[in-house]
Amino acid sequence: MDIDTDKIDEAVLALLHLTLHDGVRAWKGHDWDALDRLYQKGMIDNPVGKAKSVVLTDEGLAESERLFRKLFERSSPRS
């Protein structure tokens, strides 16, 4: 199967937005390869370590919110 890892990364980044706490931290209970790619793309700080959460960069924070809305927000009902 040919997997589009960019789409996986977008979904993981959107889900990181769902678990935000302290303004910029999110629980890192996601695929390690995806977290590493997000780190390489500059969306999160280095996920390696004992902390159970990861810090989103300013760019990652903005992109995580945009993707969360794009992927999970319902459109307004029409009148």
C-alpha atoms as a PDB file:
ATOM      1  CA  MET A   1       0.000   0.000   0.000  1.00  0.00           C
ATOM      2  CA  ASP A   2       1.321   3.447  -0.914  1.00  0.00           C
ATOM      3  CA  ILE A   3       0.661   5.701   2.095  1.00  0.00           C
ATOM      4  CA  ASP A   4       0.668   9.500   1.850  1.00  0.00           C
ATOM      5  CA  THR A   5       2.600  10.382   5.001  1.00  0.00           C
ATOM      6  CA  ASP A   6       1.847  14.094   4.513  1.00  0.00           C
ATOM      7  CA  LYS A   7      -1.853  13.332   5.041  1.00  0.00           C
ATOM      8  CA  ILE A   8      -0.999  11.277   8.134  1.00  0.00           C
ATOM      9  CA  ASP A   9       1.061  14.203   9.447  1.00  0.00           C
ATOM     10  CA  GLU A  10      -1.810  16.627   8.850  1.00  0.00           C
ATOM     11  CA  ALA A  11      -4.217  14.396  10.765  1.00  0.00           C
ATOM     12  CA  VAL A  12      -1.778  13.966  13.671  1.00  0.00           C
ATOM     13  CA  LEU A  13      -1.115  17.714  13.802  1.00  0.00           C
ATOM     14  CA  ALA A  14      -4.878  18.371  13.850  1.00  0.00           C
ATOM     15  CA  LEU A  15      -5.319  15.850  16.668  1.00  0.00           C
ATOM     16  CA  LEU A  16      -2.504  17.487  18.637  1.00  0.00           C
ATOM     17  CA  HIS A  17      -4.692  20.606  18.629  1.00  0.00           C
ATOM     18  CA  LEU A  18      -7.430  18.568  20.294  1.00  0.00           C
ATOM     19  CA  THR A  19      -5.211  17.774  23.292  1.00  0.00           C
ATOM     20  CA  LEU A  20      -3.646  21.229  23.766  1.00  0.00           C
ATOM     21  CA  HIS A  21      -2.931  22.332  27.310  1.00  0.00           C
ATOM     22  CA  ASP A  22      -0.813  25.144  28.767  1.00  0.00           C
ATOM     23  CA  GLY A  23      -1.328  27.000  25.485  1.00  0.00           C
ATOM     24  CA  VAL A  24       1.332  25.201  23.450  1.00  0.00           C
ATOM     25  CA  ARG A  25       1.682  21.645  24.793  1.00  0.00           C
ATOM     26  CA  ALA A  26      -0.141  18.568  23.512  1.00  0.00           C
ATOM     27  CA  TRP A  27      -0.114  14.925  24.546  1.00  0.00           C
ATOM     28  CA  LYS A  28       2.250  12.999  22.323  1.00  0.00           C
ATOM     29  CA  GLY A  29       0.464   9.662  22.251  1.00  0.00           C
ATOM     30  CA  HIS A  30       0.758   9.374  18.469  1.00  0.00           C
ATOM     31  CA  ASP A  31       2.892   7.429  16.018  1.00  0.00           C
ATOM     32  CA  TRP A  32       6.578   8.181  16.665  1.00  0.00           C
ATOM     33  CA  ASP A  33       7.407   8.363  12.952  1.00  0.00           C
ATOM     34  CA  ALA A  34       4.685  10.980  12.424  1.00  0.00           C
ATOM     35  CA  LEU A  35       5.910  13.005  15.421  1.00  0.00           C
ATOM     36  CA  ASP A  36       9.460  12.857  14.074  1.00  0.00           C
ATOM     37  CA  ARG A  37       8.288  14.102  10.655  1.00  0.00           C
ATOM     38  CA  LEU A  38       6.381  16.964  12.328  1.00  0.00           C
ATOM     39  CA  TYR A  39       9.584  17.834  14.203  1.00  0.00           C
ATOM     40  CA  GLN A  40      11.560  17.774  10.933  1.00  0.00           C
ATOM     41  CA  LYS A  41       8.930  20.077   9.371  1.00  0.00           C
ATOM     42  CA  GLY A  42       9.277  22.540  12.266  1.00  0.00           C
ATOM     43  CA  MET A  43       5.747  22.037  13.610  1.00  0.00           C
ATOM     44  CA  ILE A  44       6.788  20.719  17.040  1.00  0.00           C
ATOM     45  CA  ASP A  45       9.863  20.761  19.248  1.00  0.00           C
ATOM     46  CA  ASN A  46      11.885  17.574  19.549  1.00  0.00           C
ATOM     47  CA  PRO A  47       9.472  14.886  20.830  1.00  0.00           C
ATOM     48  CA  VAL A  48      12.231  12.656  22.249  1.00  0.00           C
ATOM     49  CA  GLY A  49      12.345  12.690  26.023  1.00  0.00           C
ATOM     50  CA  LYS A  50      10.498  11.636  29.151  1.00  0.00           C
ATOM     51  CA  ALA A  51       7.786  14.317  28.941  1.00  0.00           C
ATOM     52  CA  LYS A  52       4.372  12.981  28.008  1.00  0.00           C
ATOM     53  CA  SER A  53       3.624  16.062  25.952  1.00  0.00           C
ATOM     54  CA  VAL A  54       5.277  17.948  23.124  1.00  0.00           C
ATOM     55  CA  VAL A  55       5.548  21.700  22.513  1.00  0.00           C
ATOM     56  CA  LEU A  56       4.099  23.071  19.289  1.00  0.00           C
ATOM     57  CA  THR A  57       6.024  25.817  17.533  1.00  0.00           C
ATOM     58  CA  ASP A  58       4.205  29.033  16.616  1.00  0.00           C
ATOM     59  CA  GLU A  59       3.829  27.727  13.064  1.00  0.00           C
ATOM     60  CA  GLY A  60       2.696  24.333  14.324  1.00  0.00           C
ATOM     61  CA  LEU A  61       0.144  25.878  16.652  1.00  0.00           C
ATOM     62  CA  ALA A  62      -1.424  27.941  13.858  1.00  0.00           C
ATOM     63  CA  GLU A  63      -1.352  25.035  11.401  1.00  0.00           C
ATOM     64  CA  SER A  64      -2.802  22.593  13.934  1.00  0.00           C
ATOM     65  CA  GLU A  65      -5.796  24.879  14.484  1.00  0.00           C
ATOM     66  CA  ARG A  66      -6.288  25.392  10.739  1.00  0.00           C
ATOM     67  CA  LEU A  67      -6.161  21.650  10.066  1.00  0.00           C
ATOM     68  CA  PHE A  68      -8.402  20.846  13.034  1.00  0.00           C
ATOM     69  CA  ARG A  69     -11.059  23.199  11.659  1.00  0.00           C
ATOM     70  CA  LYS A  70     -10.604  21.893   8.103  1.00  0.00           C
ATOM     71  CA  LEU A  71     -10.829  18.230   9.061  1.00  0.00           C
ATOM     72  CA  PHE A  72     -13.261  18.202  11.975  1.00  0.00           C
ATOM     73  CA  GLU A  73     -15.437  21.326  12.075  1.00  0.00           C
ATOM     74  CA  ARG A  74     -19.024  20.921  10.922  1.00  0.00           C
ATOM     75  CA  SER A  75     -20.280  23.410   8.401  1.00  0.00           C
ATOM     76  CA  SER A  76     -23.101  25.673   9.526  1.00  0.00           C
ATOM     77  CA  PRO A  77     -26.588  24.335   8.825  1.00  0.00           C
ATOM     78  CA  ARG A  78     -28.356  26.137   6.037  1.00  0.00           C
ATOM     79  CA  SER A  79     -31.563  28.004   6.808  1.00  0.00           C
END
